Amino acid sequence: MSGIKNNSCHSEPGAKPGEESVVRYHDTCGSSRRRLYGGPAPSQGAPFLASFARKPALSVSKGGALLIGLLSLIATSVAAQTPQDLLATGHVDQALQTLEQQIGTAPNAEAYNLLCRAHFELGAWDAGIPACEKATALAPSNSLYHLWLGRIYGEKADRAGFLKAAGLAGKVRTEFERATELSPSSWEARTDLAEFYLEAPGIVGGGKDKALAQAELIAPLNPAMAHWVRARVAQKNKDNVAAEKEYRAAIDASHGGARAWLNLAGFYRHTNRLDEMEQALRTMETRPVDHPAALIDAAGMLLRTSRDPELAIRLARSYIASPNTVEEAPLFKAHTLLGELLEKQGDRTAAAEEFRVALALAHNFRPAQDGLKRVTH
């Protein structure tokens, strides 16, 4: 997900349970290389640039002793972690503190890039952009830093007005193209660039032909993602038969990996084939987890469509219990999502505990704050 996308692919953070989840996922188009979370979502159904727009006290309730023990474990476990580890495990408050201390004593490009990504997790685009810009200024030949600058520009563009978005779109394209120039073998950079070309209007450099050209370059690097790009182009062309064929080809190319099954489920959701969506997600649960964030994305998809809450809760808990949590699905968002699922099932006590755990990791995360208010008042 490049940040340049069809906004109908997303759910909206902070909405009421059963409507939109805290997790924003590509439910129309599946997952490219990461999940986008946090921050206010653009208007549903509006294509990209179409409009060229204190930690709470913890109370000991039922199960509270277990919660306090968990929070104590969290506090102990973060002490020796690197900023990268903190981001991967969703300890964003601790990551911000650590990175700001590093920058204050020995500023360097890596620290600025990681600081940008910490703000990205929180959906704080305005706070993150200067840090990403600083990283590329200090290390202009680093492809990854240009990629992240393009991503955060894209998120900002999706929430900007007409003129601001147009200017930012040019910056997104420049950064993604620079990232691929510096690292031609990066399928992640090429996938982000392909998604930009697919979703952006021609006036700012978009084009389906350009996206397909990137798919050809992605194919030897990551065949499954090349099929994903082609599937997305087919959807843009309203050719659902060809799109489904490409999504299934991605499953074969990935040897049945979870990411590709998630993407097929997203396609079924978009085409209102919800029984098939649900079955694809059940199949995904049994397949190799080549992309851990797929578990959370699938749980969010089920919440949004009010389907199989037991499966959604099981997937969210499986991810939270996993040792392989990732930056693109930080634990504070996973706990918030699980809280929403439990709230919808009527278990307000358990939901409150999940929201509190999320706030222990990211004390300003608004969806968790709002969720805790709902279930404790």
Protein backbone atom coordinates (compact mmCIF):
# COMPACT_ATOMS: atom_id res chain seq x y z
CA MET A 1 0.00 0.00 0.00
CA SER A 2 1.68 3.10 -1.18
CA GLY A 3 -0.64 5.60 0.33
CA ILE A 4 -1.86 6.31 -3.21
CA LYS A 5 -4.90 4.20 -3.54
CA ASN A 6 -8.56 3.81 -4.18
CA ASN A 7 -10.07 4.95 -0.92
CA SER A 8 -12.93 2.50 -1.27
CA CYS A 9 -10.30 -0.11 -0.33
CA HIS A 10 -10.22 1.08 3.24
CA SER A 11 -12.08 0.82 6.45
CA GLU A 12 -12.21 3.81 8.70
CA PRO A 13 -10.52 3.96 12.10
CA GLY A 14 -12.48 4.84 15.16
CA ALA A 15 -15.95 4.21 13.81
CA LYS A 16 -18.54 2.22 15.67
CA PRO A 17 -18.02 -1.53 15.82
CA GLY A 18 -19.67 -3.32 12.94
CA GLU A 19 -19.27 -0.33 10.63
CA GLU A 20 -15.59 0.41 10.16
CA SER A 21 -12.61 -1.08 11.92
CA VAL A 22 -9.55 0.60 13.36
CA VAL A 23 -7.64 -1.32 10.74
CA ARG A 24 -7.59 0.12 7.25
CA TYR A 25 -6.90 -2.60 4.75
CA HIS A 26 -7.05 -3.03 1.02
CA ASP A 27 -10.31 -4.90 1.05
CA THR A 28 -10.95 -4.04 -2.57
CA CYS A 29 -7.52 -4.79 -3.85
CA GLY A 30 -5.93 -6.97 -1.23
CA SER A 31 -2.50 -6.33 0.19
CA SER A 32 0.48 -5.14 -1.74
CA ARG A 33 3.29 -4.98 0.79
CA ARG A 34 2.01 -3.41 3.96
CA ARG A 35 -1.12 -2.38 5.78
CA LEU A 36 -2.14 1.17 6.31
CA TYR A 37 -3.50 2.01 9.72
CA GLY A 38 -4.43 4.93 11.91
CA GLY A 39 -5.56 8.44 11.26
CA PRO A 40 -8.86 9.58 9.79
CA ALA A 41 -9.79 7.83 6.58
CA PRO A 42 -10.85 9.72 3.45
CA SER A 43 -14.46 9.64 2.32
CA GLN A 44 -15.52 6.15 1.33
CA GLY A 45 -15.79 5.54 -2.38
CA ALA A 46 -13.90 8.67 -3.46
CA PRO A 47 -11.01 7.81 -5.81
CA PHE A 48 -7.56 9.19 -5.07
CA LEU A 49 -7.29 12.93 -5.75
CA ALA A 50 -10.89 13.00 -6.87
CA SER A 51 -11.50 16.06 -4.74
CA PHE A 52 -8.05 17.71 -5.46
CA ALA A 53 -9.49 16.53 1.56
CA ARG A 54 -3.13 11.37 28.60
CA LYS A 55 -2.97 7.86 29.13
CA PRO A 56 -6.11 6.81 31.17
CA ALA A 57 -5.82 5.30 34.58
CA LEU A 58 -6.11 1.53 34.65
CA SER A 59 -8.78 0.18 36.95
CA VAL A 60 -8.69 -3.31 38.39
CA SER A 61 -11.89 -4.97 37.22
CA LYS A 62 -12.71 -8.54 36.40
CA GLY A 63 -9.55 -9.95 34.91
CA GLY A 64 -7.68 -6.80 35.92
CA ALA A 65 -4.96 -8.66 37.77
CA LEU A 66 -4.10 -10.48 34.56
CA LEU A 67 -4.03 -7.18 32.70
CA ILE A 68 -1.69 -5.59 35.24
CA GLY A 69 0.62 -8.58 34.96
CA LEU A 70 0.61 -8.22 31.18
CA LEU A 71 1.40 -4.52 31.34
CA SER A 72 4.26 -5.23 33.76
CA LEU A 73 5.62 -7.75 31.28
CA ILE A 74 5.34 -5.20 28.48
CA ALA A 75 7.29 -2.62 30.50
CA THR A 76 10.01 -5.13 31.31
CA SER A 77 10.32 -6.50 27.78
CA VAL A 78 10.90 -3.17 26.02
CA ALA A 79 13.94 -2.16 28.03
CA ALA A 80 16.55 -3.86 25.85
CA GLN A 81 14.80 -3.59 22.47
CA THR A 82 16.09 -1.60 19.53
CA PRO A 83 13.85 1.03 17.90
CA GLN A 84 13.24 -1.41 15.04
CA ASP A 85 12.09 -4.05 17.54
CA LEU A 86 9.88 -1.54 19.29
CA LEU A 87 8.16 -0.62 16.03
CA ALA A 88 7.71 -4.26 15.05
CA THR A 89 6.05 -5.02 18.39
CA GLY A 90 3.93 -1.86 18.41
CA HIS A 91 5.63 -0.17 21.38
CA VAL A 92 5.31 3.13 19.61
CA ASP A 93 5.47 5.37 22.71
CA GLN A 94 8.75 3.77 23.72
CA ALA A 95 10.05 3.92 20.14
CA LEU A 96 9.33 7.65 19.91
CA GLN A 97 11.07 8.31 23.21
CA THR A 98 14.12 6.25 22.27
CA LEU A 99 14.45 7.79 18.82
CA GLU A 100 14.04 11.35 20.05
CA GLN A 101 16.81 10.71 22.57
CA GLN A 102 19.05 9.30 19.85
CA ILE A 103 18.44 12.24 17.56
CA GLY A 104 19.11 14.64 20.41
CA THR A 105 22.54 13.12 21.09
CA ALA A 106 23.71 11.59 17.79
CA PRO A 107 21.37 12.38 14.89
CA ASN A 108 21.62 10.11 11.86
CA ALA A 109 19.57 9.15 8.83
CA GLU A 110 18.42 5.80 10.20
CA ALA A 111 17.05 7.37 13.38
CA TYR A 112 15.12 9.97 11.37
CA ASN A 113 13.69 7.27 9.09
CA LEU A 114 12.55 5.20 12.07
CA LEU A 115 11.08 8.29 13.73
CA CYS A 116 9.07 8.93 10.57
CA ARG A 117 7.82 5.34 10.61
CA ALA A 118 6.78 5.64 14.27
CA HIS A 119 4.65 8.66 13.37
CA PHE A 120 3.37 6.72 10.37
CA GLU A 121 2.09 3.96 12.68
CA LEU A 122 0.07 6.58 14.52
CA GLY A 123 -1.24 8.22 11.36
CA ALA A 124 0.61 11.44 12.29
CA TRP A 125 1.60 12.37 8.77
CA ASP A 126 2.48 16.02 9.49
CA ALA A 127 4.80 14.98 12.32
CA GLY A 128 6.41 12.22 10.26
CA ILE A 129 7.09 14.01 6.99
CA PRO A 130 9.94 16.26 8.29
CA ALA A 131 11.69 13.21 9.76
CA CYS A 132 11.44 11.28 6.49
CA GLU A 133 12.66 14.31 4.57
CA LYS A 134 15.62 14.63 6.94
CA ALA A 135 16.51 10.97 6.43
CA THR A 136 16.65 11.33 2.64
CA ALA A 137 18.66 14.58 2.96
CA LEU A 138 21.26 12.83 5.13
CA ALA A 139 21.36 9.65 3.01
CA PRO A 140 20.16 10.56 -0.50
CA SER A 141 21.28 7.23 -1.96
CA ASN A 142 19.19 5.08 0.37
CA SER A 143 16.28 3.57 -1.52
CA LEU A 144 14.32 2.60 1.60
CA TYR A 145 14.31 6.17 2.90
CA HIS A 146 12.91 7.48 -0.39
CA LEU A 147 10.29 4.73 -0.33
CA TRP A 148 9.07 5.74 3.12
CA LEU A 149 9.05 9.42 2.19
CA GLY A 150 6.87 8.57 -0.80
CA ARG A 151 4.53 6.54 1.38
CA ILE A 152 3.98 9.27 3.93
CA TYR A 153 3.54 11.91 1.22
CA GLY A 154 0.88 9.61 -0.24
CA GLU A 155 -0.99 9.35 3.03
CA LYS A 156 -0.95 13.11 3.37
CA ALA A 157 -2.15 13.51 -0.22
CA ASP A 158 -5.15 11.27 0.41
CA ARG A 159 -6.36 13.70 3.05
CA ALA A 160 -5.53 16.97 1.30
CA GLY A 161 -7.57 19.33 -0.81
CA PHE A 162 -7.32 19.54 -4.60
CA LEU A 163 -4.27 21.74 -5.05
CA LYS A 164 -2.31 20.35 -2.11
CA ALA A 165 -2.98 16.77 -3.20
CA ALA A 166 -1.81 17.47 -6.75
CA GLY A 167 1.48 18.85 -5.49
CA LEU A 168 2.00 15.97 -3.11
CA ALA A 169 1.20 13.40 -5.80
CA GLY A 170 4.15 14.67 -7.81
CA LYS A 171 6.35 14.20 -4.77
CA VAL A 172 5.04 10.68 -4.26
CA ARG A 173 5.87 9.72 -7.82
CA THR A 174 9.33 11.29 -7.58
CA GLU A 175 10.17 9.41 -4.38
CA PHE A 176 8.88 6.05 -5.58
CA GLU A 177 10.66 6.37 -8.90
CA ARG A 178 13.85 7.36 -7.11
CA ALA A 179 13.51 4.36 -4.79
CA THR A 180 13.31 2.00 -7.78
CA GLU A 181 16.24 3.71 -9.50
CA LEU A 182 18.39 3.22 -6.40
CA SER A 183 17.23 -0.36 -5.83
CA PRO A 184 15.94 -1.88 -9.10
CA SER A 185 15.58 -5.30 -7.48
CA SER A 186 13.26 -4.08 -4.72
CA TRP A 187 9.86 -5.60 -5.41
CA GLU A 188 8.44 -3.56 -2.54
CA ALA A 189 9.46 -0.27 -4.19
CA ARG A 190 8.23 -1.41 -7.58
CA THR A 191 4.90 -2.54 -6.13
CA ASP A 192 4.39 0.83 -4.45
CA LEU A 193 5.24 2.56 -7.72
CA ALA A 194 2.86 0.30 -9.65
CA GLU A 195 0.10 1.10 -7.20
CA PHE A 196 0.76 4.80 -7.61
CA TYR A 197 0.55 4.50 -11.39
CA LEU A 198 -2.67 2.52 -11.07
CA GLU A 199 -4.48 4.84 -8.67
CA ALA A 200 -3.20 8.29 -9.60
CA PRO A 201 -4.82 10.31 -12.39
CA GLY A 202 -2.90 10.73 -15.61
CA ILE A 203 -2.44 14.44 -14.93
CA VAL A 204 -0.04 13.59 -12.09
CA GLY A 205 1.68 10.71 -13.85
CA GLY A 206 -0.66 7.78 -13.34
CA GLY A 207 -1.51 5.19 -15.96
CA LYS A 208 -2.55 1.54 -16.13
CA ASP A 209 0.03 0.86 -18.82
CA LYS A 210 2.75 2.06 -16.47
CA ALA A 211 1.43 -0.21 -13.73
CA LEU A 212 1.52 -3.20 -16.08
CA ALA A 213 5.08 -2.33 -17.08
CA GLN A 214 6.05 -2.50 -13.42
CA ALA A 215 4.30 -5.85 -13.10
CA GLU A 216 6.63 -7.22 -15.78
CA LEU A 217 9.63 -5.99 -13.78
CA ILE A 218 8.22 -7.37 -10.51
CA ALA A 219 7.56 -10.83 -11.98
CA PRO A 220 11.12 -12.21 -11.68
CA LEU A 221 11.47 -10.68 -8.21
CA ASN A 222 8.14 -11.71 -6.71
CA PRO A 223 5.80 -13.53 -9.10
CA ALA A 224 2.86 -13.44 -6.69
CA MET A 225 3.00 -9.66 -6.40
CA ALA A 226 3.21 -9.31 -10.16
CA HIS A 227 -0.07 -11.23 -10.39
CA TRP A 228 -1.49 -8.93 -7.69
CA VAL A 229 -0.70 -5.86 -9.79
CA ARG A 230 -2.26 -7.44 -12.88
CA ALA A 231 -5.35 -8.35 -10.86
CA ARG A 232 -5.70 -4.77 -9.73
CA VAL A 233 -5.40 -3.52 -13.28
CA ALA A 234 -8.08 -5.97 -14.37
CA GLN A 235 -10.35 -4.69 -11.63
CA LYS A 236 -9.77 -1.15 -12.82
CA ASN A 237 -10.82 -2.36 -16.25
CA LYS A 238 -13.95 -3.93 -14.70
CA ASP A 239 -12.81 -7.35 -15.89
CA ASN A 240 -13.61 -9.42 -12.81
CA VAL A 241 -13.05 -12.74 -14.57
CA ALA A 242 -9.47 -11.80 -15.42
CA ALA A 243 -8.96 -10.29 -11.96
CA GLU A 244 -10.04 -13.47 -10.18
CA LYS A 245 -7.77 -15.51 -12.43
CA GLU A 246 -4.81 -13.33 -11.48
CA TYR A 247 -5.62 -13.48 -7.77
CA ARG A 248 -5.70 -17.28 -8.00
CA ALA A 249 -2.46 -17.28 -9.96
CA ALA A 250 -0.93 -15.29 -7.09
CA ILE A 251 -2.04 -18.03 -4.69
CA ASP A 252 -0.30 -20.64 -6.82
CA ALA A 253 2.84 -18.50 -7.19
CA SER A 254 3.04 -17.99 -3.43
CA HIS A 255 2.49 -21.70 -2.74
CA GLY A 256 -0.78 -20.94 -1.02
CA GLY A 257 0.50 -18.17 1.23
CA ALA A 258 -1.83 -16.25 3.53
CA ARG A 259 -1.28 -12.91 1.80
CA ALA A 260 -2.59 -14.15 -1.53
CA TRP A 261 -5.65 -15.76 0.07
CA LEU A 262 -6.36 -12.47 1.83
CA ASN A 263 -6.17 -10.62 -1.46
CA LEU A 264 -8.62 -13.04 -3.07
CA ALA A 265 -10.96 -12.54 -0.10
CA GLY A 266 -10.69 -8.79 -0.60
CA PHE A 267 -11.67 -9.21 -4.23
CA TYR A 268 -14.72 -11.27 -3.22
CA ARG A 269 -15.68 -8.60 -0.73
CA HIS A 270 -15.48 -5.91 -3.39
CA THR A 271 -17.68 -7.95 -5.70
CA ASN A 272 -20.16 -8.65 -2.88
CA ARG A 273 -19.45 -12.40 -2.88
CA LEU A 274 -19.35 -12.52 0.90
CA ASP A 275 -19.79 -16.27 1.34
CA GLU A 276 -16.76 -16.82 -0.89
CA MET A 277 -14.87 -14.10 0.99
CA GLU A 278 -15.55 -15.89 4.25
CA GLN A 279 -14.47 -19.24 2.84
CA ALA A 280 -11.26 -17.74 1.46
CA LEU A 281 -10.44 -16.37 4.91
CA ARG A 282 -11.12 -19.73 6.52
CA THR A 283 -8.74 -21.28 4.01
CA MET A 284 -6.19 -18.55 4.69
CA GLU A 285 -6.22 -19.49 8.37
CA THR A 286 -4.90 -22.96 7.48
CA ARG A 287 -2.21 -21.79 5.07
CA PRO A 288 1.43 -20.77 5.69
CA VAL A 289 1.61 -17.34 7.30
CA ASP A 290 3.98 -15.71 4.83
CA HIS A 291 2.68 -12.29 5.83
CA PRO A 292 1.73 -12.02 9.54
CA ALA A 293 -0.29 -8.83 9.04
CA ALA A 294 -2.73 -10.86 6.93
CA LEU A 295 -4.23 -12.26 10.14
CA ILE A 296 -5.15 -8.80 11.38
CA ASP A 297 -6.32 -7.63 7.99
CA ALA A 298 -8.59 -10.66 7.72
CA ALA A 299 -10.03 -10.02 11.20
CA GLY A 300 -10.72 -6.42 10.20
CA MET A 301 -12.42 -7.52 6.99
CA LEU A 302 -14.71 -9.86 8.92
CA LEU A 303 -15.57 -7.14 11.42
CA ARG A 304 -16.41 -4.71 8.67
CA THR A 305 -18.68 -7.14 6.92
CA SER A 306 -20.23 -8.54 10.12
CA ARG A 307 -19.20 -12.06 9.20
CA ASP A 308 -17.95 -14.96 11.38
CA PRO A 309 -16.96 -13.09 14.57
CA GLU A 310 -15.47 -16.24 16.09
CA LEU A 311 -13.02 -16.55 13.21
CA ALA A 312 -12.18 -12.84 13.43
CA ILE A 313 -11.46 -13.08 17.16
CA ARG A 314 -9.41 -16.21 16.64
CA LEU A 315 -7.30 -14.58 13.93
CA ALA A 316 -6.68 -11.45 16.02
CA ARG A 317 -5.68 -13.48 19.06
CA SER A 318 -3.42 -15.69 16.95
CA TYR A 319 -1.57 -12.63 15.68
CA ILE A 320 -1.25 -11.08 19.14
CA ALA A 321 0.15 -14.34 20.54
CA SER A 322 2.59 -14.76 17.67
CA PRO A 323 6.31 -14.01 18.09
CA ASN A 324 6.26 -12.65 14.53
CA THR A 325 4.41 -9.37 14.90
CA VAL A 326 5.37 -6.76 12.33
CA GLU A 327 5.59 -2.99 12.01
CA GLU A 328 2.76 -2.76 9.52
CA ALA A 329 0.36 -4.36 12.00
CA PRO A 330 1.53 -2.96 15.35
CA LEU A 331 0.22 -4.63 18.46
CA PHE A 332 -1.58 -1.55 19.76
CA LYS A 333 -3.77 -1.67 16.67
CA ALA A 334 -4.25 -5.42 16.94
CA HIS A 335 -5.41 -5.05 20.55
CA THR A 336 -7.73 -2.23 19.53
CA LEU A 337 -9.24 -4.36 16.79
CA LEU A 338 -9.70 -7.27 19.19
CA GLY A 339 -11.37 -4.85 21.60
CA GLU A 340 -13.81 -3.81 18.88
CA LEU A 341 -14.60 -7.43 18.08
CA LEU A 342 -15.21 -8.29 21.74
CA GLU A 343 -17.30 -5.16 22.19
CA LYS A 344 -19.48 -6.16 19.28
CA GLN A 345 -19.96 -9.58 20.92
CA GLY A 346 -21.16 -7.85 24.10
CA ASP A 347 -18.08 -8.62 26.21
CA ARG A 348 -17.43 -5.07 27.40
CA THR A 349 -15.07 -6.12 30.23
CA ALA A 350 -12.74 -8.03 27.92
CA ALA A 351 -12.98 -5.27 25.32
CA ALA A 352 -11.96 -2.65 27.90
CA GLU A 353 -8.89 -4.66 28.79
CA GLU A 354 -7.83 -4.85 25.16
CA PHE A 355 -8.27 -1.10 24.74
CA ARG A 356 -6.20 -0.52 27.89
CA VAL A 357 -3.37 -2.72 26.62
CA ALA A 358 -3.40 -0.76 23.36
CA LEU A 359 -3.18 2.53 25.25
CA ALA A 360 -0.27 1.21 27.33
CA LEU A 361 1.61 0.88 24.03
CA ALA A 362 0.34 4.04 22.31
CA HIS A 363 -1.29 6.32 24.85
CA ASN A 364 -2.63 8.84 22.31
CA PHE A 365 -4.18 6.31 19.93
CA ARG A 366 -7.63 7.79 19.45
CA PRO A 367 -9.56 4.66 18.37
CA ALA A 368 -8.47 2.87 21.56
CA GLN A 369 -9.32 5.93 23.66
CA ASP A 370 -12.76 6.13 22.06
CA GLY A 371 -13.32 2.40 22.44
CA LEU A 372 -12.46 2.49 26.13
CA LYS A 373 -14.90 5.35 26.67
CA ARG A 374 -17.67 3.43 24.93
CA VAL A 375 -17.32 0.30 27.04
CA THR A 376 -16.72 1.96 30.41
CA HIS A 377 -19.49 4.55 30.33
